[in-house]
Amino acid sequence: MTTLALAPRLDLSHASELAGALRGHKGADLVLDASAVTHLGGLGLQLLAAAAKTWRTQGHSLTIQPRSAAFDEALGTFGVNLADLQSEEAA
């Protein structure tokens, strides 16, 4: 299983970078390390949700761990459950 460290800011300014990194790991189980995330914006959240859907469809595991307090707080602000951003296999 591969681990991808997420950038501190997951927003419009880093969306292209995040999308490319996620595309590069398609087709394999993946752990997203969100321990350094200080800001999760709406576009970053959309990319993570789309990745979860892709990984589910392909039957691979996608997990987000460890997570920073800021990451978890942003999920709460958006009203999103962590399970929505992980594949069913990872739940």
PDB file of N, CA and C in Angstrom:
ATOM      1  N   MET A   1       0.848  -1.177   0.000  1.00  0.00           N
ATOM      2  CA  MET A   1       0.000   0.000   0.000  1.00  0.00           C
ATOM      3  C   MET A   1       0.892   1.238   0.000  1.00  0.00           C
ATOM      4  N   THR A   2       0.546   2.192  -0.828  1.00  0.00           N
ATOM      5  CA  THR A   2       1.309   3.429  -0.985  1.00  0.00           C
ATOM      6  C   THR A   2       0.724   4.521  -0.100  1.00  0.00           C
ATOM      7  N   THR A   3       1.592   5.394   0.404  1.00  0.00           N
ATOM      8  CA  THR A   3       1.149   6.545   1.187  1.00  0.00           C
ATOM      9  C   THR A   3       1.483   7.819   0.424  1.00  0.00           C
ATOM     10  N   LEU A   4       0.502   8.717   0.366  1.00  0.00           N
ATOM     11  CA  LEU A   4       0.666  10.019  -0.275  1.00  0.00           C
ATOM     12  C   LEU A   4       0.475  11.095   0.785  1.00  0.00           C
ATOM     13  N   ALA A   5       1.508  11.881   1.044  1.00  0.00           N
ATOM     14  CA  ALA A   5       1.414  12.976   2.005  1.00  0.00           C
ATOM     15  C   ALA A   5       0.704  14.158   1.337  1.00  0.00           C
ATOM     16  N   LEU A   6      -0.348  14.630   1.974  1.00  0.00           N
ATOM     17  CA  LEU A   6      -1.105  15.763   1.436  1.00  0.00           C
ATOM     18  C   LEU A   6      -0.433  17.077   1.820  1.00  0.00           C
ATOM     19  N   ALA A   7      -0.565  18.065   0.958  1.00  0.00           N
ATOM     20  CA  ALA A   7       0.006  19.393   1.194  1.00  0.00           C
ATOM     21  C   ALA A   7      -0.722  20.066   2.363  1.00  0.00           C
ATOM     22  N   PRO A   8      -0.085  21.028   3.006  1.00  0.00           N
ATOM     23  CA  PRO A   8      -0.741  21.733   4.106  1.00  0.00           C
ATOM     24  C   PRO A   8      -2.030  22.450   3.691  1.00  0.00           C
ATOM     25  N   ARG A   9      -2.059  22.975   2.477  1.00  0.00           N
ATOM     26  CA  ARG A   9      -3.271  23.653   1.988  1.00  0.00           C
ATOM     27  C   ARG A   9      -3.882  22.842   0.848  1.00  0.00           C
ATOM     28  N   LEU A  10      -5.119  22.458   1.038  1.00  0.00           N
ATOM     29  CA  LEU A  10      -5.869  21.745  -0.012  1.00  0.00           C
ATOM     30  C   LEU A  10      -6.985  22.668  -0.462  1.00  0.00           C
ATOM     31  N   ASP A  11      -6.648  23.551  -1.374  1.00  0.00           N
ATOM     32  CA  ASP A  11      -7.600  24.539  -1.866  1.00  0.00           C
ATOM     33  C   ASP A  11      -7.316  24.807  -3.337  1.00  0.00           C
ATOM     34  N   LEU A  12      -7.906  25.845  -3.882  1.00  0.00           N
ATOM     35  CA  LEU A  12      -7.762  26.169  -5.297  1.00  0.00           C
ATOM     36  C   LEU A  12      -6.299  26.266  -5.719  1.00  0.00           C
ATOM     37  N   SER A  13      -5.458  26.832  -4.873  1.00  0.00           N
ATOM     38  CA  SER A  13      -4.062  27.029  -5.250  1.00  0.00           C
ATOM     39  C   SER A  13      -3.281  25.724  -5.384  1.00  0.00           C
ATOM     40  N   HIS A  14      -3.788  24.623  -4.828  1.00  0.00           N
ATOM     41  CA  HIS A  14      -3.104  23.335  -4.893  1.00  0.00           C
ATOM     42  C   HIS A  14      -3.954  22.245  -5.533  1.00  0.00           C
ATOM     43  N   ALA A  15      -5.086  22.615  -6.116  1.00  0.00           N
ATOM     44  CA  ALA A  15      -6.008  21.622  -6.675  1.00  0.00           C
ATOM     45  C   ALA A  15      -5.386  20.816  -7.809  1.00  0.00           C
ATOM     46  N   SER A  16      -4.703  21.470  -8.701  1.00  0.00           N
ATOM     47  CA  SER A  16      -4.099  20.784  -9.833  1.00  0.00           C
ATOM     48  C   SER A  16      -3.052  19.782  -9.362  1.00  0.00           C
ATOM     49  N   GLU A  17      -2.246  20.191  -8.405  1.00  0.00           N
ATOM     50  CA  GLU A  17      -1.212  19.327  -7.845  1.00  0.00           C
ATOM     51  C   GLU A  17      -1.846  18.094  -7.176  1.00  0.00           C
ATOM     52  N   LEU A  18      -2.894  18.315  -6.395  1.00  0.00           N
ATOM     53  CA  LEU A  18      -3.578  17.204  -5.723  1.00  0.00           C
ATOM     54  C   LEU A  18      -4.226  16.265  -6.730  1.00  0.00           C
ATOM     55  N   ALA A  19      -4.901  16.830  -7.724  1.00  0.00           N
ATOM     56  CA  ALA A  19      -5.552  16.001  -8.745  1.00  0.00           C
ATOM     57  C   ALA A  19      -4.530  15.134  -9.475  1.00  0.00           C
ATOM     58  N   GLY A  20      -3.404  15.706  -9.832  1.00  0.00           N
ATOM     59  CA  GLY A  20      -2.358  14.951 -10.516  1.00  0.00           C
ATOM     60  C   GLY A  20      -1.780  13.852  -9.650  1.00  0.00           C
ATOM     61  N   ALA A  21      -1.568  14.158  -8.376  1.00  0.00           N
ATOM     62  CA  ALA A  21      -1.029  13.151  -7.460  1.00  0.00           C
ATOM     63  C   ALA A  21      -2.007  11.996  -7.287  1.00  0.00           C
ATOM     64  N   LEU A  22      -3.287  12.313  -7.173  1.00  0.00           N
ATOM     65  CA  LEU A  22      -4.296  11.252  -7.030  1.00  0.00           C
ATOM     66  C   LEU A  22      -4.376  10.401  -8.297  1.00  0.00           C
ATOM     67  N   ARG A  23      -4.366  11.044  -9.452  1.00  0.00           N
ATOM     68  CA  ARG A  23      -4.387  10.295 -10.721  1.00  0.00           C
ATOM     69  C   ARG A  23      -3.206   9.338 -10.823  1.00  0.00           C
ATOM     70  N   GLY A  24      -2.077   9.768 -10.338  1.00  0.00           N
ATOM     71  CA  GLY A  24      -0.872   8.959 -10.400  1.00  0.00           C
ATOM     72  C   GLY A  24      -0.914   7.710  -9.532  1.00  0.00           C
ATOM     73  N   HIS A  25      -1.874   7.640  -8.633  1.00  0.00           N
ATOM     74  CA  HIS A  25      -1.981   6.490  -7.741  1.00  0.00           C
ATOM     75  C   HIS A  25      -3.225   5.640  -8.001  1.00  0.00           C
ATOM     76  N   LYS A  26      -3.952   5.940  -9.079  1.00  0.00           N
ATOM     77  CA  LYS A  26      -5.144   5.152  -9.413  1.00  0.00           C
ATOM     78  C   LYS A  26      -4.762   3.695  -9.625  1.00  0.00           C
ATOM     79  N   GLY A  27      -5.688   2.823  -9.277  1.00  0.00           N
ATOM     80  CA  GLY A  27      -5.485   1.409  -9.546  1.00  0.00           C
ATOM     81  C   GLY A  27      -4.747   0.662  -8.456  1.00  0.00           C
ATOM     82  N   ALA A  28      -4.523   1.305  -7.321  1.00  0.00           N
ATOM     83  CA  ALA A  28      -3.823   0.654  -6.216  1.00  0.00           C
ATOM     84  C   ALA A  28      -4.383   1.167  -4.887  1.00  0.00           C
ATOM     85  N   ASP A  29      -4.220   0.374  -3.840  1.00  0.00           N
ATOM     86  CA  ASP A  29      -4.609   0.822  -2.511  1.00  0.00           C
ATOM     87  C   ASP A  29      -3.759   2.031  -2.133  1.00  0.00           C
ATOM     88  N   LEU A  30      -4.385   2.980  -1.412  1.00  0.00           N
ATOM     89  CA  LEU A  30      -3.701   4.233  -1.119  1.00  0.00           C
ATOM     90  C   LEU A  30      -4.076   4.738   0.266  1.00  0.00           C
ATOM     91  N   VAL A  31      -3.085   5.230   0.987  1.00  0.00           N
ATOM     92  CA  VAL A  31      -3.288   5.920   2.258  1.00  0.00           C
ATOM     93  C   VAL A  31      -2.927   7.376   2.035  1.00  0.00           C
ATOM     94  N   LEU A  32      -3.831   8.267   2.395  1.00  0.00           N
ATOM     95  CA  LEU A  32      -3.566   9.704   2.321  1.00  0.00           C
ATOM     96  C   LEU A  32      -3.177  10.181   3.712  1.00  0.00           C
ATOM     97  N   ASP A  33      -1.989  10.726   3.839  1.00  0.00           N
ATOM     98  CA  ASP A  33      -1.494  11.254   5.110  1.00  0.00           C
ATOM     99  C   ASP A  33      -1.896  12.720   5.188  1.00  0.00           C
ATOM    100  N   ALA A  34      -2.883  13.008   6.021  1.00  0.00           N
ATOM    101  CA  ALA A  34      -3.393  14.376   6.162  1.00  0.00           C
ATOM    102  C   ALA A  34      -2.882  15.035   7.439  1.00  0.00           C
ATOM    103  N   SER A  35      -1.795  14.528   7.990  1.00  0.00           N
ATOM    104  CA  SER A  35      -1.291  15.045   9.267  1.00  0.00           C
ATOM    105  C   SER A  35      -0.766  16.479   9.175  1.00  0.00           C
ATOM    106  N   ALA A  36      -0.360  16.909   7.997  1.00  0.00           N
ATOM    107  CA  ALA A  36       0.193  18.265   7.841  1.00  0.00           C
ATOM    108  C   ALA A  36      -0.841  19.262   7.320  1.00  0.00           C
ATOM    109  N   VAL A  37      -2.062  18.827   7.074  1.00  0.00           N
ATOM    110  CA  VAL A  37      -3.084  19.717   6.509  1.00  0.00           C
ATOM    111  C   VAL A  37      -3.478  20.781   7.527  1.00  0.00           C
ATOM    112  N   THR A  38      -3.348  22.045   7.111  1.00  0.00           N
ATOM    113  CA  THR A  38      -3.752  23.170   7.952  1.00  0.00           C
ATOM    114  C   THR A  38      -5.011  23.848   7.423  1.00  0.00           C
ATOM    115  N   HIS A  39      -5.326  23.593   6.132  1.00  0.00           N
ATOM    116  CA  HIS A  39      -6.512  24.202   5.517  1.00  0.00           C
ATOM    117  C   HIS A  39      -7.091  23.257   4.472  1.00  0.00           C
ATOM    118  N   LEU A  40      -8.356  22.907   4.637  1.00  0.00           N
ATOM    119  CA  LEU A  40      -9.071  22.100   3.657  1.00  0.00           C
ATOM    120  C   LEU A  40     -10.192  22.954   3.087  1.00  0.00           C
ATOM    121  N   GLY A  41     -10.057  23.322   1.809  1.00  0.00           N
ATOM    122  CA  GLY A  41     -11.070  24.133   1.153  1.00  0.00           C
ATOM    123  C   GLY A  41     -12.066  23.267   0.395  1.00  0.00           C
ATOM    124  N   GLY A  42     -13.081  23.908  -0.139  1.00  0.00           N
ATOM    125  CA  GLY A  42     -14.137  23.199  -0.849  1.00  0.00           C
ATOM    126  C   GLY A  42     -13.644  22.406  -2.046  1.00  0.00           C
ATOM    127  N   LEU A  43     -12.732  22.958  -2.817  1.00  0.00           N
ATOM    128  CA  LEU A  43     -12.224  22.244  -3.991  1.00  0.00           C
ATOM    129  C   LEU A  43     -11.378  21.045  -3.577  1.00  0.00           C
ATOM    130  N   GLY A  44     -10.587  21.197  -2.525  1.00  0.00           N
ATOM    131  CA  GLY A  44      -9.822  20.065  -2.009  1.00  0.00           C
ATOM    132  C   GLY A  44     -10.738  18.956  -1.544  1.00  0.00           C
ATOM    133  N   LEU A  45     -11.810  19.334  -0.866  1.00  0.00           N
ATOM    134  CA  LEU A  45     -12.800  18.359  -0.409  1.00  0.00           C
ATOM    135  C   LEU A  45     -13.447  17.648  -1.599  1.00  0.00           C
ATOM    136  N   GLN A  46     -13.785  18.391  -2.640  1.00  0.00           N
ATOM    137  CA  GLN A  46     -14.368  17.790  -3.842  1.00  0.00           C
ATOM    138  C   GLN A  46     -13.430  16.771  -4.469  1.00  0.00           C
ATOM    139  N   LEU A  47     -12.165  17.089  -4.545  1.00  0.00           N
ATOM    140  CA  LEU A  47     -11.189  16.164  -5.121  1.00  0.00           C
ATOM    141  C   LEU A  47     -11.081  14.889  -4.287  1.00  0.00           C
ATOM    142  N   LEU A  48     -11.094  15.031  -2.971  1.00  0.00           N
ATOM    143  CA  LEU A  48     -11.023  13.856  -2.107  1.00  0.00           C
ATOM    144  C   LEU A  48     -12.286  12.998  -2.234  1.00  0.00           C
ATOM    145  N   ALA A  49     -13.447  13.644  -2.344  1.00  0.00           N
ATOM    146  CA  ALA A  49     -14.694  12.898  -2.517  1.00  0.00           C
ATOM    147  C   ALA A  49     -14.715  12.162  -3.853  1.00  0.00           C
ATOM    148  N   ALA A  50     -14.227  12.810  -4.899  1.00  0.00           N
ATOM    149  CA  ALA A  50     -14.165  12.161  -6.214  1.00  0.00           C
ATOM    150  C   ALA A  50     -13.187  10.989  -6.188  1.00  0.00           C
ATOM    151  N   ALA A  51     -12.074  11.159  -5.484  1.00  0.00           N
ATOM    152  CA  ALA A  51     -11.109  10.064  -5.364  1.00  0.00           C
ATOM    153  C   ALA A  51     -11.733   8.882  -4.639  1.00  0.00           C
ATOM    154  N   ALA A  52     -12.468   9.148  -3.569  1.00  0.00           N
ATOM    155  CA  ALA A  52     -13.120   8.061  -2.828  1.00  0.00           C
ATOM    156  C   ALA A  52     -14.068   7.286  -3.735  1.00  0.00           C
ATOM    157  N   LYS A  53     -14.820   8.011  -4.549  1.00  0.00           N
ATOM    158  CA  LYS A  53     -15.743   7.349  -5.473  1.00  0.00           C
ATOM    159  C   LYS A  53     -14.979   6.491  -6.486  1.00  0.00           C
ATOM    160  N   THR A  54     -13.905   7.025  -7.024  1.00  0.00           N
ATOM    161  CA  THR A  54     -13.092   6.284  -7.989  1.00  0.00           C
ATOM    162  C   THR A  54     -12.515   5.024  -7.360  1.00  0.00           C
ATOM    163  N   TRP A  55     -11.955   5.158  -6.166  1.00  0.00           N
ATOM    164  CA  TRP A  55     -11.349   4.006  -5.503  1.00  0.00           C
ATOM    165  C   TRP A  55     -12.408   2.944  -5.186  1.00  0.00           C
ATOM    166  N   ARG A  56     -13.592   3.385  -4.750  1.00  0.00           N
ATOM    167  CA  ARG A  56     -14.682   2.429  -4.495  1.00  0.00           C
ATOM    168  C   ARG A  56     -15.037   1.675  -5.770  1.00  0.00           C
ATOM    169  N   THR A  57     -15.204   2.420  -6.854  1.00  0.00           N
ATOM    170  CA  THR A  57     -15.584   1.823  -8.134  1.00  0.00           C
ATOM    171  C   THR A  57     -14.547   0.815  -8.604  1.00  0.00           C
ATOM    172  N   GLN A  58     -13.286   1.114  -8.373  1.00  0.00           N
ATOM    173  CA  GLN A  58     -12.207   0.236  -8.810  1.00  0.00           C
ATOM    174  C   GLN A  58     -11.921  -0.892  -7.812  1.00  0.00           C
ATOM    175  N   GLY A  59     -12.599  -0.871  -6.660  1.00  0.00           N
ATOM    176  CA  GLY A  59     -12.420  -1.933  -5.674  1.00  0.00           C
ATOM    177  C   GLY A  59     -11.133  -1.858  -4.882  1.00  0.00           C
ATOM    178  N   HIS A  60     -10.598  -0.649  -4.737  1.00  0.00           N
ATOM    179  CA  HIS A  60      -9.356  -0.476  -3.985  1.00  0.00           C
ATOM    180  C   HIS A  60      -9.616   0.275  -2.689  1.00  0.00           C
ATOM    181  N   SER A  61      -8.685   0.140  -1.777  1.00  0.00           N
ATOM    182  CA  SER A  61      -8.773   0.782  -0.474  1.00  0.00           C
ATOM    183  C   SER A  61      -8.192   2.193  -0.533  1.00  0.00           C
ATOM    184  N   LEU A  62      -8.935   3.146   0.010  1.00  0.00           N
ATOM    185  CA  LEU A  62      -8.458   4.524   0.158  1.00  0.00           C
ATOM    186  C   LEU A  62      -8.735   4.929   1.595  1.00  0.00           C
ATOM    187  N   THR A  63      -7.697   5.224   2.343  1.00  0.00           N
ATOM    188  CA  THR A  63      -7.859   5.657   3.723  1.00  0.00           C
ATOM    189  C   THR A  63      -7.147   6.984   3.931  1.00  0.00           C
ATOM    190  N   ILE A  64      -7.629   7.725   4.924  1.00  0.00           N
ATOM    191  CA  ILE A  64      -7.002   9.002   5.268  1.00  0.00           C
ATOM    192  C   ILE A  64      -6.564   8.901   6.723  1.00  0.00           C
ATOM    193  N   GLN A  65      -5.266   8.724   6.891  1.00  0.00           N
ATOM    194  CA  GLN A  65      -4.693   8.623   8.240  1.00  0.00           C
ATOM    195  C   GLN A  65      -3.186   8.786   8.169  1.00  0.00           C
ATOM    196  N   PRO A  66      -2.576   9.427   9.101  1.00  0.00           N
ATOM    197  CA  PRO A  66      -3.191  10.190  10.178  1.00  0.00           C
ATOM    198  C   PRO A  66      -3.797  11.485   9.633  1.00  0.00           C
ATOM    199  N   ARG A  67      -4.576  12.133  10.483  1.00  0.00           N
ATOM    200  CA  ARG A  67      -5.231  13.391  10.104  1.00  0.00           C
ATOM    201  C   ARG A  67      -4.916  14.462  11.143  1.00  0.00           C
ATOM    202  N   SER A  68      -4.758  15.680  10.665  1.00  0.00           N
ATOM    203  CA  SER A  68      -4.544  16.803  11.581  1.00  0.00           C
ATOM    204  C   SER A  68      -5.880  17.224  12.189  1.00  0.00           C
ATOM    205  N   ALA A  69      -5.798  17.938  13.282  1.00  0.00           N
ATOM    206  CA  ALA A  69      -7.008  18.479  13.911  1.00  0.00           C
ATOM    207  C   ALA A  69      -7.716  19.433  12.946  1.00  0.00           C
ATOM    208  N   ALA A  70      -6.938  20.202  12.189  1.00  0.00           N
ATOM    209  CA  ALA A  70      -7.526  21.147  11.229  1.00  0.00           C
ATOM    210  C   ALA A  70      -8.302  20.411  10.144  1.00  0.00           C
ATOM    211  N   PHE A  71      -7.793  19.275   9.697  1.00  0.00           N
ATOM    212  CA  PHE A  71      -8.479  18.476   8.681  1.00  0.00           C
ATOM    213  C   PHE A  71      -9.816  17.995   9.229  1.00  0.00           C
ATOM    214  N   ASP A  72      -9.795  17.403  10.425  1.00  0.00           N
ATOM    215  CA  ASP A  72     -11.032  16.897  11.035  1.00  0.00           C
ATOM    216  C   ASP A  72     -12.021  18.026  11.319  1.00  0.00           C
ATOM    217  N   GLU A  73     -11.508  19.173  11.740  1.00  0.00           N
ATOM    218  CA  GLU A  73     -12.376  20.325  12.009  1.00  0.00           C
ATOM    219  C   GLU A  73     -13.049  20.804  10.723  1.00  0.00           C
ATOM    220  N   ALA A  74     -12.300  20.836   9.633  1.00  0.00           N
ATOM    221  CA  ALA A  74     -12.873  21.256   8.346  1.00  0.00           C
ATOM    222  C   ALA A  74     -13.961  20.291   7.899  1.00  0.00           C
ATOM    223  N   LEU A  75     -13.755  18.992   8.091  1.00  0.00           N
ATOM    224  CA  LEU A  75     -14.794  18.030   7.742  1.00  0.00           C
ATOM    225  C   LEU A  75     -16.073  18.339   8.511  1.00  0.00           C
ATOM    226  N   GLY A  76     -15.933  18.632   9.799  1.00  0.00           N
ATOM    227  CA  GLY A  76     -17.100  18.983  10.609  1.00  0.00           C
ATOM    228  C   GLY A  76     -17.781  20.249  10.120  1.00  0.00           C
ATOM    229  N   THR A  77     -16.988  21.228   9.741  1.00  0.00           N
ATOM    230  CA  THR A  77     -17.541  22.486   9.230  1.00  0.00           C
ATOM    231  C   THR A  77     -18.334  22.253   7.949  1.00  0.00           C
ATOM    232  N   PHE A  78     -17.808  21.393   7.082  1.00  0.00           N
ATOM    233  CA  PHE A  78     -18.498  21.071   5.832  1.00  0.00           C
ATOM    234  C   PHE A  78     -19.649  20.086   6.048  1.00  0.00           C
ATOM    235  N   GLY A  79     -19.708  19.462   7.219  1.00  0.00           N
ATOM    236  CA  GLY A  79     -20.745  18.475   7.481  1.00  0.00           C
ATOM    237  C   GLY A  79     -20.498  17.160   6.762  1.00  0.00           C
ATOM    238  N   VAL A  80     -19.234  16.818   6.586  1.00  0.00           N
ATOM    239  CA  VAL A  80     -18.853  15.607   5.862  1.00  0.00           C
ATOM    240  C   VAL A  80     -18.305  14.587   6.851  1.00  0.00           C
ATOM    241  N   ASN A  81     -18.738  13.342   6.705  1.00  0.00           N
ATOM    242  CA  ASN A  81     -18.208  12.255   7.520  1.00  0.00           C
ATOM    243  C   ASN A  81     -16.944  11.717   6.871  1.00  0.00           C
ATOM    244  N   LEU A  82     -16.001  11.316   7.687  1.00  0.00           N
ATOM    245  CA  LEU A  82     -14.760  10.746   7.172  1.00  0.00           C
ATOM    246  C   LEU A  82     -15.052   9.552   6.261  1.00  0.00           C
ATOM    247  N   ALA A  83     -16.042   8.761   6.588  1.00  0.00           N
ATOM    248  CA  ALA A  83     -16.393   7.579   5.782  1.00  0.00           C
ATOM    249  C   ALA A  83     -16.754   7.961   4.351  1.00  0.00           C
ATOM    250  N   ASP A  84     -17.226   9.185   4.141  1.00  0.00           N
ATOM    251  CA  ASP A  84     -17.569   9.642   2.791  1.00  0.00           C
ATOM    252  C   ASP A  84     -16.331   9.846   1.924  1.00  0.00           C
ATOM    253  N   LEU A  85     -15.170   9.978   2.555  1.00  0.00           N
ATOM    254  CA  LEU A  85     -13.929  10.251   1.832  1.00  0.00           C
ATOM    255  C   LEU A  85     -13.012   9.040   1.761  1.00  0.00           C
ATOM    256  N   GLN A  86     -13.491   7.917   2.224  1.00  0.00           N
ATOM    257  CA  GLN A  86     -12.701   6.702   2.193  1.00  0.00           C
ATOM    258  C   GLN A  86     -13.497   5.634   1.434  1.00  0.00           C
ATOM    259  N   SER A  87     -12.792   4.697   0.876  1.00  0.00           N
ATOM    260  CA  SER A  87     -13.492   3.626   0.186  1.00  0.00           C
ATOM    261  C   SER A  87     -14.165   2.712   1.200  1.00  0.00           C
ATOM    262  N   GLU A  88     -15.172   1.988   0.780  1.00  0.00           N
ATOM    263  CA  GLU A  88     -15.875   1.084   1.678  1.00  0.00           C
ATOM    264  C   GLU A  88     -14.935   0.058   2.276  1.00  0.00           C
ATOM    265  N   GLU A  89     -13.945  -0.367   1.505  1.00  0.00           N
ATOM    266  CA  GLU A  89     -12.987  -1.349   1.966  1.00  0.00           C
ATOM    267  C   GLU A  89     -12.166  -0.813   3.135  1.00  0.00           C
ATOM    268  N   ALA A  90     -12.041   0.534   3.205  1.00  0.00           N
ATOM    269  CA  ALA A  90     -11.218   1.140   4.229  1.00  0.00           C
ATOM    270  C   ALA A  90     -11.997   1.418   5.510  1.00  0.00           C
ATOM    271  N   ALA A  91     -13.306   1.385   5.437  1.00  0.00           N
ATOM    272  CA  ALA A  91     -14.142   1.773   6.578  1.00  0.00           C
ATOM    273  C   ALA A  91     -14.001   0.846   7.762  1.00  0.00           C
TER     274      ALA A  91
END
